[in-house]
Amino acid sequence: MTKALISARRPSGSDESYSWVWVLPLPDGRFRVAAIEVPKQLVDNDVCFFEEDMETLYLKIVDEIGEVDAAVLEAGVDPGQLDAPWNNDFPL
């Protein structure tokens, strides 16, 4: 795994939102794994949005890279789908 953010699309719980799982390496060597939903209108209209505009459905901080796959599965995505954010339209 690189030291950069990776993400994957996941099924959304609403027709009005998009959803992703993302993995962020933290400066202390741990990893933040989160599943979020973002209103489609914000993404489709390229509107700047903030954390309060997202719904965090899953959040887990894992200590080691070997724990990332299990956390990603818990969040609802096959770890093999993780990729660079621009390959799955993750809104940076």
N, C-alpha and C. Protein backbone atom coordinates (compact mmCIF):
# COMPACT_ATOMS: atom_id res chain seq x y z
N MET A 1 0.84 -1.18 0.00
CA MET A 1 0.00 0.00 0.00
C MET A 1 0.88 1.24 0.00
N THR A 2 0.47 2.23 -0.77
CA THR A 2 1.22 3.48 -0.79
C THR A 2 0.90 4.28 0.45
N LYS A 3 1.52 5.41 0.57
CA LYS A 3 1.25 6.30 1.70
C LYS A 3 0.17 7.31 1.32
N ALA A 4 -0.62 7.00 0.29
CA ALA A 4 -1.66 7.90 -0.18
C ALA A 4 -3.04 7.30 0.08
N LEU A 5 -4.02 8.16 0.04
CA LEU A 5 -5.41 7.76 0.17
C LEU A 5 -5.82 6.81 -0.94
N ILE A 6 -6.58 5.77 -0.61
CA ILE A 6 -7.18 4.89 -1.60
C ILE A 6 -8.66 4.76 -1.26
N SER A 7 -9.46 4.43 -2.27
CA SER A 7 -10.91 4.38 -2.05
C SER A 7 -11.56 3.39 -3.01
N ALA A 8 -12.84 3.14 -2.74
CA ALA A 8 -13.65 2.27 -3.61
C ALA A 8 -15.11 2.68 -3.45
N ARG A 9 -15.85 2.59 -4.53
CA ARG A 9 -17.30 2.82 -4.47
C ARG A 9 -17.94 1.71 -3.68
N ARG A 10 -19.04 2.04 -3.01
CA ARG A 10 -19.84 1.05 -2.30
C ARG A 10 -21.29 1.36 -2.58
N PRO A 11 -22.17 0.38 -2.43
CA PRO A 11 -23.60 0.65 -2.64
C PRO A 11 -24.08 1.69 -1.63
N SER A 12 -24.84 2.64 -2.12
CA SER A 12 -25.38 3.68 -1.25
C SER A 12 -26.69 3.22 -0.64
N GLY A 13 -26.98 3.71 0.53
CA GLY A 13 -28.24 3.40 1.19
C GLY A 13 -29.39 4.25 0.70
N SER A 14 -29.11 5.18 -0.21
CA SER A 14 -30.12 6.11 -0.71
C SER A 14 -29.89 6.38 -2.19
N ASP A 15 -30.99 6.57 -2.91
CA ASP A 15 -30.87 6.95 -4.32
C ASP A 15 -30.37 8.39 -4.48
N GLU A 16 -30.36 9.13 -3.39
CA GLU A 16 -29.97 10.54 -3.43
C GLU A 16 -28.51 10.77 -3.05
N SER A 17 -27.75 9.69 -2.86
CA SER A 17 -26.36 9.87 -2.45
C SER A 17 -25.44 8.85 -3.12
N TYR A 18 -24.16 9.19 -3.10
CA TYR A 18 -23.11 8.28 -3.52
C TYR A 18 -22.38 7.82 -2.26
N SER A 19 -21.73 6.68 -2.35
CA SER A 19 -21.03 6.17 -1.18
C SER A 19 -19.68 5.58 -1.57
N TRP A 20 -18.71 5.77 -0.68
CA TRP A 20 -17.37 5.24 -0.86
C TRP A 20 -16.83 4.72 0.46
N VAL A 21 -15.87 3.82 0.36
CA VAL A 21 -15.01 3.46 1.48
C VAL A 21 -13.65 4.04 1.13
N TRP A 22 -13.02 4.64 2.11
CA TRP A 22 -11.69 5.17 1.86
C TRP A 22 -10.76 4.82 2.99
N VAL A 23 -9.50 4.66 2.63
CA VAL A 23 -8.46 4.31 3.58
C VAL A 23 -7.40 5.41 3.52
N LEU A 24 -7.14 5.98 4.69
CA LEU A 24 -6.17 7.07 4.79
C LEU A 24 -5.05 6.67 5.74
N PRO A 25 -3.82 6.58 5.24
CA PRO A 25 -2.69 6.35 6.15
C PRO A 25 -2.52 7.56 7.05
N LEU A 26 -2.36 7.33 8.33
CA LEU A 26 -2.19 8.41 9.30
C LEU A 26 -0.71 8.63 9.59
N PRO A 27 -0.34 9.83 10.01
CA PRO A 27 1.08 10.13 10.26
C PRO A 27 1.73 9.21 11.30
N ASP A 28 0.93 8.65 12.21
CA ASP A 28 1.51 7.80 13.25
C ASP A 28 1.64 6.34 12.83
N GLY A 29 1.35 6.03 11.55
CA GLY A 29 1.50 4.67 11.04
C GLY A 29 0.22 3.86 11.05
N ARG A 30 -0.83 4.37 11.68
CA ARG A 30 -2.13 3.67 11.67
C ARG A 30 -2.89 4.05 10.40
N PHE A 31 -4.09 3.46 10.24
CA PHE A 31 -4.90 3.69 9.05
C PHE A 31 -6.33 4.01 9.47
N ARG A 32 -6.90 5.01 8.83
CA ARG A 32 -8.30 5.38 9.05
C ARG A 32 -9.11 4.77 7.92
N VAL A 33 -10.09 3.94 8.28
CA VAL A 33 -10.98 3.32 7.29
C VAL A 33 -12.37 3.87 7.55
N ALA A 34 -12.98 4.45 6.53
CA ALA A 34 -14.30 5.06 6.70
C ALA A 34 -15.18 4.76 5.50
N ALA A 35 -16.48 4.63 5.77
CA ALA A 35 -17.50 4.56 4.72
C ALA A 35 -18.34 5.81 4.85
N ILE A 36 -18.49 6.53 3.75
CA ILE A 36 -19.25 7.78 3.77
C ILE A 36 -20.30 7.78 2.68
N GLU A 37 -21.31 8.61 2.88
CA GLU A 37 -22.28 8.93 1.83
C GLU A 37 -22.30 10.44 1.67
N VAL A 38 -22.38 10.85 0.41
CA VAL A 38 -22.40 12.27 0.06
C VAL A 38 -23.60 12.50 -0.85
N PRO A 39 -24.39 13.56 -0.60
CA PRO A 39 -25.51 13.85 -1.49
C PRO A 39 -25.06 13.98 -2.95
N LYS A 40 -25.78 13.31 -3.84
CA LYS A 40 -25.43 13.34 -5.27
C LYS A 40 -25.36 14.75 -5.81
N GLN A 41 -26.28 15.61 -5.37
CA GLN A 41 -26.32 16.97 -5.92
C GLN A 41 -25.01 17.72 -5.68
N LEU A 42 -24.38 17.48 -4.55
CA LEU A 42 -23.10 18.15 -4.27
C LEU A 42 -22.00 17.63 -5.19
N VAL A 43 -21.93 16.32 -5.37
CA VAL A 43 -20.91 15.72 -6.22
C VAL A 43 -21.16 16.05 -7.68
N ASP A 44 -22.39 15.85 -8.14
CA ASP A 44 -22.72 16.07 -9.55
C ASP A 44 -22.54 17.52 -9.99
N ASN A 45 -22.78 18.44 -9.06
CA ASN A 45 -22.66 19.87 -9.38
C ASN A 45 -21.30 20.45 -9.01
N ASP A 46 -20.37 19.57 -8.62
CA ASP A 46 -19.01 19.97 -8.28
C ASP A 46 -18.99 21.08 -7.23
N VAL A 47 -19.87 20.94 -6.23
CA VAL A 47 -19.97 21.91 -5.15
C VAL A 47 -18.99 21.52 -4.04
N CYS A 48 -18.30 22.50 -3.51
CA CYS A 48 -17.42 22.23 -2.37
C CYS A 48 -18.29 21.81 -1.19
N PHE A 49 -17.88 20.77 -0.51
CA PHE A 49 -18.63 20.34 0.67
C PHE A 49 -17.65 19.97 1.77
N PHE A 50 -18.20 19.87 2.96
CA PHE A 50 -17.39 19.68 4.15
C PHE A 50 -17.86 18.45 4.90
N GLU A 51 -17.15 18.12 5.96
CA GLU A 51 -17.46 16.91 6.71
C GLU A 51 -18.90 16.87 7.19
N GLU A 52 -19.46 18.01 7.56
CA GLU A 52 -20.84 18.03 8.02
C GLU A 52 -21.86 17.73 6.91
N ASP A 53 -21.43 17.80 5.65
CA ASP A 53 -22.30 17.46 4.52
C ASP A 53 -22.31 15.97 4.23
N MET A 54 -21.37 15.24 4.82
CA MET A 54 -21.25 13.80 4.59
C MET A 54 -21.86 13.04 5.76
N GLU A 55 -22.32 11.85 5.47
CA GLU A 55 -22.75 10.95 6.53
C GLU A 55 -21.69 9.86 6.65
N THR A 56 -21.12 9.72 7.82
CA THR A 56 -20.13 8.67 8.06
C THR A 56 -20.85 7.45 8.59
N LEU A 57 -20.86 6.40 7.79
CA LEU A 57 -21.57 5.17 8.13
C LEU A 57 -20.70 4.19 8.89
N TYR A 58 -19.41 4.32 8.73
CA TYR A 58 -18.46 3.39 9.35
C TYR A 58 -17.16 4.14 9.56
N LEU A 59 -16.54 3.95 10.70
CA LEU A 59 -15.25 4.57 10.96
C LEU A 59 -14.47 3.66 11.90
N LYS A 60 -13.25 3.33 11.48
CA LYS A 60 -12.40 2.49 12.31
C LYS A 60 -10.95 2.90 12.06
N ILE A 61 -10.20 3.02 13.14
CA ILE A 61 -8.76 3.26 13.04
C ILE A 61 -8.08 1.93 13.36
N VAL A 62 -7.24 1.46 12.44
CA VAL A 62 -6.54 0.19 12.66
C VAL A 62 -5.05 0.48 12.84
N ASP A 63 -4.42 -0.38 13.63
CA ASP A 63 -3.02 -0.16 13.99
C ASP A 63 -2.03 -0.60 12.92
N GLU A 64 -2.38 -1.62 12.15
CA GLU A 64 -1.43 -2.19 11.20
C GLU A 64 -2.07 -2.39 9.84
N ILE A 65 -1.26 -2.37 8.81
CA ILE A 65 -1.75 -2.55 7.45
C ILE A 65 -2.47 -3.89 7.28
N GLY A 66 -2.06 -4.90 8.03
CA GLY A 66 -2.69 -6.21 7.94
C GLY A 66 -4.13 -6.22 8.43
N GLU A 67 -4.54 -5.18 9.12
CA GLU A 67 -5.92 -5.07 9.61
C GLU A 67 -6.84 -4.30 8.65
N VAL A 68 -6.27 -3.68 7.63
CA VAL A 68 -7.04 -2.84 6.72
C VAL A 68 -8.08 -3.66 5.96
N ASP A 69 -7.71 -4.80 5.40
CA ASP A 69 -8.65 -5.59 4.60
C ASP A 69 -9.91 -5.96 5.39
N ALA A 70 -9.74 -6.40 6.63
CA ALA A 70 -10.90 -6.77 7.45
C ALA A 70 -11.79 -5.56 7.70
N ALA A 71 -11.20 -4.41 7.96
CA ALA A 71 -11.99 -3.20 8.19
C ALA A 71 -12.73 -2.77 6.92
N VAL A 72 -12.08 -2.88 5.78
CA VAL A 72 -12.72 -2.52 4.51
C VAL A 72 -13.91 -3.46 4.24
N LEU A 73 -13.73 -4.74 4.51
CA LEU A 73 -14.85 -5.69 4.37
C LEU A 73 -15.99 -5.33 5.30
N GLU A 74 -15.68 -4.97 6.55
CA GLU A 74 -16.72 -4.55 7.50
C GLU A 74 -17.46 -3.32 6.98
N ALA A 75 -16.76 -2.47 6.27
CA ALA A 75 -17.35 -1.24 5.73
C ALA A 75 -18.17 -1.48 4.47
N GLY A 76 -18.10 -2.69 3.92
CA GLY A 76 -18.96 -3.04 2.80
C GLY A 76 -18.33 -3.10 1.44
N VAL A 77 -17.01 -3.24 1.37
CA VAL A 77 -16.33 -3.27 0.07
C VAL A 77 -15.30 -4.39 0.06
N ASP A 78 -15.13 -5.01 -1.09
CA ASP A 78 -14.06 -5.98 -1.30
C ASP A 78 -12.75 -5.20 -1.36
N PRO A 79 -11.77 -5.52 -0.53
CA PRO A 79 -10.50 -4.79 -0.54
C PRO A 79 -9.82 -4.77 -1.91
N GLY A 80 -10.08 -5.75 -2.75
CA GLY A 80 -9.51 -5.78 -4.08
C GLY A 80 -10.00 -4.65 -4.97
N GLN A 81 -11.07 -3.98 -4.58
CA GLN A 81 -11.60 -2.85 -5.35
C GLN A 81 -10.93 -1.52 -5.02
N LEU A 82 -10.16 -1.48 -3.94
CA LEU A 82 -9.50 -0.23 -3.57
C LEU A 82 -8.55 0.23 -4.66
N ASP A 83 -8.59 1.52 -4.92
CA ASP A 83 -7.79 2.08 -6.02
C ASP A 83 -7.53 3.55 -5.71
N ALA A 84 -6.79 4.19 -6.59
CA ALA A 84 -6.58 5.63 -6.47
C ALA A 84 -7.93 6.34 -6.58
N PRO A 85 -8.15 7.41 -5.83
CA PRO A 85 -9.45 8.07 -5.79
C PRO A 85 -9.98 8.51 -7.15
N TRP A 86 -9.11 8.93 -8.06
CA TRP A 86 -9.57 9.41 -9.36
C TRP A 86 -10.11 8.28 -10.22
N ASN A 87 -9.85 7.04 -9.86
CA ASN A 87 -10.37 5.90 -10.63
C ASN A 87 -11.79 5.49 -10.22
N ASN A 88 -12.30 6.07 -9.13
CA ASN A 88 -13.66 5.75 -8.71
C ASN A 88 -14.45 7.00 -8.31
N ASP A 89 -14.00 8.14 -8.80
CA ASP A 89 -14.68 9.42 -8.62
C ASP A 89 -14.83 9.85 -7.16
N PHE A 90 -13.94 9.38 -6.30
CA PHE A 90 -13.98 9.81 -4.90
C PHE A 90 -13.77 11.32 -4.86
N PRO A 91 -14.68 12.05 -4.21
CA PRO A 91 -14.58 13.53 -4.22
C PRO A 91 -13.52 14.03 -3.23
N LEU A 92 -12.40 14.41 -3.76
CA LEU A 92 -11.31 14.91 -2.90
C LEU A 92 -11.54 16.36 -2.56
